[in-house]
Amino acid sequence: MSITNNLTEIKSQLLAHVTLVAVSKTKPVSDLMEAYNAGQRIFGENKIQEMTEKWEQMPKDIEWHMIGHVQTNKVKFMAEYVSLVHGVDSFKLLEEINKQAKKHNRVIACLLQVHIAEEETKFGLNEDELEEILYSEDFRILENIRIVGLMGMATFTENTSQIEKEFNHLKAIFDKNKSLNTNNCQLTTLSMGMSGDYQLAISCGSTMVRIGSSIFGNRNYQ
């Protein structure tokens, strides 16, 4: 199946309110352009340098999403163009995104990453840490970021009931805090679900899915 056919098939299965992020990390620009020509405009990368190189080469109506773990000292390299940062897991990182966005006279949209998996290797805030940020005065004065939702990654397991429990847990945290409406925080996006579990994630309330191998295949160029 071609990238175009894969995209068409996946999009036909998605509900209208679900945003598809095409995870294009390690894929060459030619693959991304095939997806672009098939109508895809949102791409997700996990390395800032690679994302920047692609941004420089590709059409400027693309939304670039940073879906990997972000190091504070690398934020400045994407602040000019990034549309959404998925993995914000500390107030320190949020402050740095705010600082770099200000230099470019931009407001950068962010998702706060919540740790829902049983695996220790996954990043993210626990529920208390999340609320500590959202309801703090230090957060309210940040004018160049906007928290638009939450992101979480389920445990890598075949046990679908466990994955469903983790997704439902994140949805409950999202629902609990979505009434918070300030200048820099309106929770509208719930990003959970990848190639292997996106249909389950959508049934649990996801509004944004990150799909790579089901679109581009498993070929890896690096």
C-alpha atoms as a PDB file:
ATOM      1  CA  MET A   1       0.000   0.000   0.000  1.00  0.00           C
ATOM      2  CA  SER A   2       1.239   3.470  -0.810  1.00  0.00           C
ATOM      3  CA  ILE A   3       1.493   6.301   1.692  1.00  0.00           C
ATOM      4  CA  THR A   4      -1.445   8.004  -0.071  1.00  0.00           C
ATOM      5  CA  ASN A   5      -3.608   4.888   0.217  1.00  0.00           C
ATOM      6  CA  ASN A   6      -2.638   4.349   3.857  1.00  0.00           C
ATOM      7  CA  LEU A   7      -3.567   7.952   4.689  1.00  0.00           C
ATOM      8  CA  THR A   8      -6.902   7.728   2.894  1.00  0.00           C
ATOM      9  CA  GLU A   9      -7.781   4.524   4.708  1.00  0.00           C
ATOM     10  CA  ILE A  10      -6.850   5.859   8.164  1.00  0.00           C
ATOM     11  CA  LYS A  11      -8.664   9.159   7.630  1.00  0.00           C
ATOM     12  CA  SER A  12     -11.799   7.276   6.590  1.00  0.00           C
ATOM     13  CA  GLN A  13     -11.806   5.579  10.014  1.00  0.00           C
ATOM     14  CA  LEU A  14     -11.341   8.777  12.041  1.00  0.00           C
ATOM     15  CA  LEU A  15     -14.236  10.734  13.493  1.00  0.00           C
ATOM     16  CA  ALA A  16     -14.544  14.340  12.320  1.00  0.00           C
ATOM     17  CA  HIS A  17     -13.322  15.802  15.633  1.00  0.00           C
ATOM     18  CA  VAL A  18     -10.112  13.710  15.705  1.00  0.00           C
ATOM     19  CA  THR A  19      -6.893  15.328  14.422  1.00  0.00           C
ATOM     20  CA  LEU A  20      -4.337  13.096  12.703  1.00  0.00           C
ATOM     21  CA  VAL A  21      -0.666  13.803  13.379  1.00  0.00           C
ATOM     22  CA  ALA A  22       1.453  11.955  10.814  1.00  0.00           C
ATOM     23  CA  VAL A  23       4.551  10.817  12.695  1.00  0.00           C
ATOM     24  CA  SER A  24       7.279  11.362  10.134  1.00  0.00           C
ATOM     25  CA  LYS A  25      10.442  10.982  12.241  1.00  0.00           C
ATOM     26  CA  THR A  26      13.340   9.309  10.373  1.00  0.00           C
ATOM     27  CA  LYS A  27      11.403   9.483   7.074  1.00  0.00           C
ATOM     28  CA  PRO A  28      12.824  11.351   4.075  1.00  0.00           C
ATOM     29  CA  VAL A  29      11.231  14.541   2.751  1.00  0.00           C
ATOM     30  CA  SER A  30      10.025  12.619  -0.339  1.00  0.00           C
ATOM     31  CA  ASP A  31       7.794  10.458   1.889  1.00  0.00           C
ATOM     32  CA  LEU A  32       6.461  13.506   3.710  1.00  0.00           C
ATOM     33  CA  MET A  33       5.743  15.213   0.386  1.00  0.00           C
ATOM     34  CA  GLU A  34       3.725  12.209  -0.763  1.00  0.00           C
ATOM     35  CA  ALA A  35       1.617  12.567   2.389  1.00  0.00           C
ATOM     36  CA  TYR A  36       1.468  16.355   1.859  1.00  0.00           C
ATOM     37  CA  ASN A  37       0.237  15.905  -1.707  1.00  0.00           C
ATOM     38  CA  ALA A  38      -2.442  13.562  -0.367  1.00  0.00           C
ATOM     39  CA  GLY A  39      -3.683  16.407   1.836  1.00  0.00           C
ATOM     40  CA  GLN A  40      -1.822  15.854   5.123  1.00  0.00           C
ATOM     41  CA  ARG A  41      -0.704  19.107   6.761  1.00  0.00           C
ATOM     42  CA  ILE A  42       0.239  18.058  10.313  1.00  0.00           C
ATOM     43  CA  PHE A  43       3.509  16.211  10.882  1.00  0.00           C
ATOM     44  CA  GLY A  44       5.080  15.015  14.122  1.00  0.00           C
ATOM     45  CA  GLU A  45       8.817  14.776  14.725  1.00  0.00           C
ATOM     46  CA  ASN A  46      10.794  13.699  17.803  1.00  0.00           C
ATOM     47  CA  LYS A  47      14.135  15.398  17.095  1.00  0.00           C
ATOM     48  CA  ILE A  48      14.278  19.176  16.817  1.00  0.00           C
ATOM     49  CA  GLN A  49      17.222  19.244  14.403  1.00  0.00           C
ATOM     50  CA  GLU A  50      15.537  16.848  11.977  1.00  0.00           C
ATOM     51  CA  MET A  51      12.241  18.740  12.256  1.00  0.00           C
ATOM     52  CA  THR A  52      13.987  22.055  11.532  1.00  0.00           C
ATOM     53  CA  GLU A  53      15.720  20.645   8.449  1.00  0.00           C
ATOM     54  CA  LYS A  54      12.352  19.429   7.118  1.00  0.00           C
ATOM     55  CA  TRP A  55      10.640  22.734   7.964  1.00  0.00           C
ATOM     56  CA  GLU A  56      13.289  24.566   5.937  1.00  0.00           C
ATOM     57  CA  GLN A  57      12.757  22.328   2.903  1.00  0.00           C
ATOM     58  CA  MET A  58       8.976  21.899   2.875  1.00  0.00           C
ATOM     59  CA  PRO A  59       5.900  24.086   2.188  1.00  0.00           C
ATOM     60  CA  LYS A  60       5.143  26.646   4.852  1.00  0.00           C
ATOM     61  CA  ASP A  61       1.480  25.749   5.386  1.00  0.00           C
ATOM     62  CA  ILE A  62       2.535  22.657   7.372  1.00  0.00           C
ATOM     63  CA  GLU A  63       1.940  22.448  11.110  1.00  0.00           C
ATOM     64  CA  TRP A  64       4.993  20.956  12.822  1.00  0.00           C
ATOM     65  CA  HIS A  65       4.360  19.120  16.077  1.00  0.00           C
ATOM     66  CA  MET A  66       7.205  18.260  18.432  1.00  0.00           C
ATOM     67  CA  ILE A  67       6.177  14.897  19.862  1.00  0.00           C
ATOM     68  CA  GLY A  68       9.438  13.779  21.483  1.00  0.00           C
ATOM     69  CA  HIS A  69      10.991  14.557  24.839  1.00  0.00           C
ATOM     70  CA  VAL A  70      12.238  18.153  24.697  1.00  0.00           C
ATOM     71  CA  GLN A  71      15.521  19.285  26.218  1.00  0.00           C
ATOM     72  CA  THR A  72      15.308  22.842  27.530  1.00  0.00           C
ATOM     73  CA  ASN A  73      18.463  23.973  25.710  1.00  0.00           C
ATOM     74  CA  LYS A  74      17.030  22.906  22.322  1.00  0.00           C
ATOM     75  CA  VAL A  75      13.776  24.900  22.506  1.00  0.00           C
ATOM     76  CA  LYS A  76      15.327  27.947  20.807  1.00  0.00           C
ATOM     77  CA  PHE A  77      15.870  25.991  17.591  1.00  0.00           C
ATOM     78  CA  MET A  78      12.138  25.383  17.017  1.00  0.00           C
ATOM     79  CA  ALA A  79      10.581  28.471  18.618  1.00  0.00           C
ATOM     80  CA  GLU A  80      10.310  30.305  15.302  1.00  0.00           C
ATOM     81  CA  TYR A  81       7.956  27.798  13.676  1.00  0.00           C
ATOM     82  CA  VAL A  82       6.698  24.930  15.880  1.00  0.00           C
ATOM     83  CA  SER A  83       2.882  24.715  16.019  1.00  0.00           C
ATOM     84  CA  LEU A  84       2.391  22.421  19.013  1.00  0.00           C
ATOM     85  CA  VAL A  85       4.725  20.942  21.627  1.00  0.00           C
ATOM     86  CA  HIS A  86       3.254  17.644  22.852  1.00  0.00           C
ATOM     87  CA  GLY A  87       5.579  16.594  25.642  1.00  0.00           C
ATOM     88  CA  VAL A  88       5.769  19.429  28.172  1.00  0.00           C
ATOM     89  CA  ASP A  89       6.546  17.673  31.431  1.00  0.00           C
ATOM     90  CA  SER A  90       7.952  20.396  33.694  1.00  0.00           C
ATOM     91  CA  PHE A  91       7.348  24.020  34.594  1.00  0.00           C
ATOM     92  CA  LYS A  92      10.988  24.755  33.767  1.00  0.00           C
ATOM     93  CA  LEU A  93      10.432  23.621  30.172  1.00  0.00           C
ATOM     94  CA  LEU A  94       7.248  25.689  29.955  1.00  0.00           C
ATOM     95  CA  GLU A  95       9.137  28.779  31.115  1.00  0.00           C
ATOM     96  CA  GLU A  96      11.809  28.211  28.454  1.00  0.00           C
ATOM     97  CA  ILE A  97       9.220  27.779  25.671  1.00  0.00           C
ATOM     98  CA  ASN A  98       7.582  31.002  26.859  1.00  0.00           C
ATOM     99  CA  LYS A  99      10.930  32.828  26.859  1.00  0.00           C
ATOM    100  CA  GLN A 100      11.891  31.678  23.357  1.00  0.00           C
ATOM    101  CA  ALA A 101       8.397  32.301  21.950  1.00  0.00           C
ATOM    102  CA  LYS A 102       8.584  35.878  23.207  1.00  0.00           C
ATOM    103  CA  LYS A 103      11.757  36.470  21.178  1.00  0.00           C
ATOM    104  CA  HIS A 104       9.783  35.607  18.026  1.00  0.00           C
ATOM    105  CA  ASN A 105       6.672  37.500  19.145  1.00  0.00           C
ATOM    106  CA  ARG A 106       4.706  34.245  19.137  1.00  0.00           C
ATOM    107  CA  VAL A 107       2.379  32.328  21.416  1.00  0.00           C
ATOM    108  CA  ILE A 108       3.284  28.618  21.264  1.00  0.00           C
ATOM    109  CA  ALA A 109       0.599  26.023  21.919  1.00  0.00           C
ATOM    110  CA  CYS A 110       1.578  23.198  24.282  1.00  0.00           C
ATOM    111  CA  LEU A 111       0.207  19.964  25.687  1.00  0.00           C
ATOM    112  CA  LEU A 112       1.116  18.962  29.220  1.00  0.00           C
ATOM    113  CA  GLN A 113       2.275  15.342  29.305  1.00  0.00           C
ATOM    114  CA  VAL A 114       0.726  13.206  32.026  1.00  0.00           C
ATOM    115  CA  HIS A 115       2.395   9.976  33.148  1.00  0.00           C
ATOM    116  CA  ILE A 116      -0.302   7.285  32.855  1.00  0.00           C
ATOM    117  CA  ALA A 117       1.773   4.203  31.996  1.00  0.00           C
ATOM    118  CA  GLU A 118       3.163   1.659  34.432  1.00  0.00           C
ATOM    119  CA  GLU A 119       6.546   1.912  32.730  1.00  0.00           C
ATOM    120  CA  GLU A 120       9.034   4.123  34.538  1.00  0.00           C
ATOM    121  CA  THR A 121      10.698   5.027  31.238  1.00  0.00           C
ATOM    122  CA  LYS A 122       7.757   7.154  30.102  1.00  0.00           C
ATOM    123  CA  PHE A 123       7.950  10.855  30.902  1.00  0.00           C
ATOM    124  CA  GLY A 124       5.191  12.996  32.326  1.00  0.00           C
ATOM    125  CA  LEU A 125       3.638  14.774  35.271  1.00  0.00           C
ATOM    126  CA  ASN A 126       1.527  13.044  37.883  1.00  0.00           C
ATOM    127  CA  GLU A 127      -1.904  14.500  38.615  1.00  0.00           C
ATOM    128  CA  ASP A 128      -0.731  16.586  41.573  1.00  0.00           C
ATOM    129  CA  GLU A 129       2.185  18.063  39.605  1.00  0.00           C
ATOM    130  CA  LEU A 130      -0.132  18.877  36.715  1.00  0.00           C
ATOM    131  CA  GLU A 131      -2.583  20.767  38.911  1.00  0.00           C
ATOM    132  CA  GLU A 132       0.244  22.484  40.753  1.00  0.00           C
ATOM    133  CA  ILE A 133       1.296  24.030  37.427  1.00  0.00           C
ATOM    134  CA  LEU A 134      -2.187  24.826  36.106  1.00  0.00           C
ATOM    135  CA  TYR A 135      -3.359  26.623  39.237  1.00  0.00           C
ATOM    136  CA  SER A 136      -0.156  28.473  40.107  1.00  0.00           C
ATOM    137  CA  GLU A 137       0.415  32.221  39.863  1.00  0.00           C
ATOM    138  CA  ASP A 138       3.781  31.603  38.175  1.00  0.00           C
ATOM    139  CA  PHE A 139       1.960  29.837  35.352  1.00  0.00           C
ATOM    140  CA  ARG A 140      -0.710  32.512  34.920  1.00  0.00           C
ATOM    141  CA  ILE A 141       1.842  35.205  34.101  1.00  0.00           C
ATOM    142  CA  LEU A 142       3.293  33.294  31.123  1.00  0.00           C
ATOM    143  CA  GLU A 143       1.966  35.206  28.111  1.00  0.00           C
ATOM    144  CA  ASN A 144       3.727  33.461  25.240  1.00  0.00           C
ATOM    145  CA  ILE A 145       2.531  29.904  25.760  1.00  0.00           C
ATOM    146  CA  ARG A 146      -0.954  28.469  25.692  1.00  0.00           C
ATOM    147  CA  ILE A 147      -1.870  25.103  27.195  1.00  0.00           C
ATOM    148  CA  VAL A 148      -4.420  23.614  24.802  1.00  0.00           C
ATOM    149  CA  GLY A 149      -4.669  20.112  26.234  1.00  0.00           C
ATOM    150  CA  LEU A 150      -3.084  17.013  27.697  1.00  0.00           C
ATOM    151  CA  MET A 151      -1.041  14.180  26.214  1.00  0.00           C
ATOM    152  CA  GLY A 152      -0.366  10.696  27.518  1.00  0.00           C
ATOM    153  CA  MET A 153       1.208   7.441  26.387  1.00  0.00           C
ATOM    154  CA  ALA A 154      -0.143   4.113  27.514  1.00  0.00           C
ATOM    155  CA  THR A 155       1.967   1.163  28.632  1.00  0.00           C
ATOM    156  CA  PHE A 156       3.432  -0.842  25.742  1.00  0.00           C
ATOM    157  CA  THR A 157       1.505  -4.054  26.281  1.00  0.00           C
ATOM    158  CA  GLU A 158      -0.858  -6.490  24.561  1.00  0.00           C
ATOM    159  CA  ASN A 159      -3.246  -6.105  27.493  1.00  0.00           C
ATOM    160  CA  THR A 160      -5.973  -3.894  26.030  1.00  0.00           C
ATOM    161  CA  SER A 161      -7.891  -3.640  29.310  1.00  0.00           C
ATOM    162  CA  GLN A 162      -4.822  -2.077  30.938  1.00  0.00           C
ATOM    163  CA  ILE A 163      -4.388   0.370  28.032  1.00  0.00           C
ATOM    164  CA  GLU A 164      -8.084   1.260  28.229  1.00  0.00           C
ATOM    165  CA  LYS A 165      -7.790   1.861  31.978  1.00  0.00           C
ATOM    166  CA  GLU A 166      -4.849   4.230  31.408  1.00  0.00           C
ATOM    167  CA  PHE A 167      -6.642   6.134  28.639  1.00  0.00           C
ATOM    168  CA  ASN A 168      -9.766   6.462  30.800  1.00  0.00           C
ATOM    169  CA  HIS A 169      -7.615   7.745  33.660  1.00  0.00           C
ATOM    170  CA  LEU A 170      -6.183  10.491  31.438  1.00  0.00           C
ATOM    171  CA  LYS A 171      -9.666  11.374  30.150  1.00  0.00           C
ATOM    172  CA  ALA A 172     -10.860  11.724  33.764  1.00  0.00           C
ATOM    173  CA  ILE A 173      -7.973  14.103  34.563  1.00  0.00           C
ATOM    174  CA  PHE A 174      -8.773  16.063  31.391  1.00  0.00           C
ATOM    175  CA  ASP A 175     -12.474  16.330  32.284  1.00  0.00           C
ATOM    176  CA  LYS A 176     -11.665  17.396  35.832  1.00  0.00           C
ATOM    177  CA  ASN A 177      -9.546  20.344  34.655  1.00  0.00           C
ATOM    178  CA  LYS A 178     -11.183  21.388  31.378  1.00  0.00           C
ATOM    179  CA  SER A 179     -13.361  24.003  33.067  1.00  0.00           C
ATOM    180  CA  LEU A 180     -10.175  25.986  33.765  1.00  0.00           C
ATOM    181  CA  ASN A 181     -10.338  28.869  31.316  1.00  0.00           C
ATOM    182  CA  THR A 182      -7.602  31.501  31.534  1.00  0.00           C
ATOM    183  CA  ASN A 183      -5.685  33.612  29.020  1.00  0.00           C
ATOM    184  CA  ASN A 184      -3.069  30.901  28.586  1.00  0.00           C
ATOM    185  CA  CYS A 185      -5.032  27.714  29.269  1.00  0.00           C
ATOM    186  CA  GLN A 186      -8.059  26.218  27.573  1.00  0.00           C
ATOM    187  CA  LEU A 187      -8.023  22.418  27.539  1.00  0.00           C
ATOM    188  CA  THR A 188      -9.616  21.302  24.270  1.00  0.00           C
ATOM    189  CA  THR A 189      -7.162  18.674  22.970  1.00  0.00           C
ATOM    190  CA  LEU A 190      -6.661  15.187  24.393  1.00  0.00           C
ATOM    191  CA  SER A 191      -3.744  13.568  22.587  1.00  0.00           C
ATOM    192  CA  MET A 192      -3.517   9.832  23.145  1.00  0.00           C
ATOM    193  CA  GLY A 193      -3.269   6.869  20.825  1.00  0.00           C
ATOM    194  CA  MET A 194      -0.699   5.717  18.261  1.00  0.00           C
ATOM    195  CA  SER A 195      -0.645   3.202  15.379  1.00  0.00           C
ATOM    196  CA  GLY A 196      -1.334   0.208  17.619  1.00  0.00           C
ATOM    197  CA  ASP A 197      -4.022   1.630  19.896  1.00  0.00           C
ATOM    198  CA  TYR A 198      -5.538   4.736  18.294  1.00  0.00           C
ATOM    199  CA  GLN A 199      -9.011   3.241  17.790  1.00  0.00           C
ATOM    200  CA  LEU A 200      -9.185   2.313  21.476  1.00  0.00           C
ATOM    201  CA  ALA A 201      -7.898   5.784  22.384  1.00  0.00           C
ATOM    202  CA  ILE A 202     -10.615   7.459  20.308  1.00  0.00           C
ATOM    203  CA  SER A 203     -13.291   5.342  21.988  1.00  0.00           C
ATOM    204  CA  CYS A 204     -11.906   6.613  25.314  1.00  0.00           C
ATOM    205  CA  GLY A 205     -12.179  10.253  24.220  1.00  0.00           C
ATOM    206  CA  SER A 206      -8.986  11.082  22.331  1.00  0.00           C
ATOM    207  CA  THR A 207      -9.188  14.072  19.960  1.00  0.00           C
ATOM    208  CA  MET A 208      -5.669  13.745  18.516  1.00  0.00           C
ATOM    209  CA  VAL A 209      -3.809  10.612  17.418  1.00  0.00           C
ATOM    210  CA  ARG A 210      -0.152  10.169  16.450  1.00  0.00           C
ATOM    211  CA  ILE A 211       0.249   7.637  13.655  1.00  0.00           C
ATOM    212  CA  GLY A 212       3.511   6.773  11.923  1.00  0.00           C
ATOM    213  CA  SER A 213       4.121   3.192  10.844  1.00  0.00           C
ATOM    214  CA  SER A 214       0.534   2.678   9.628  1.00  0.00           C
ATOM    215  CA  ILE A 215       1.059   5.588   7.205  1.00  0.00           C
ATOM    216  CA  PHE A 216       4.735   5.423   6.256  1.00  0.00           C
ATOM    217  CA  GLY A 217       5.475   1.757   6.905  1.00  0.00           C
ATOM    218  CA  ASN A 218       8.326   0.511   9.067  1.00  0.00           C
ATOM    219  CA  ARG A 219      11.144   1.564   6.770  1.00  0.00           C
ATOM    220  CA  ASN A 220      13.761   3.488   8.651  1.00  0.00           C
ATOM    221  CA  TYR A 221      16.324   5.656   6.920  1.00  0.00           C
ATOM    222  CA  GLN A 222      18.653   6.393   9.812  1.00  0.00           C
END
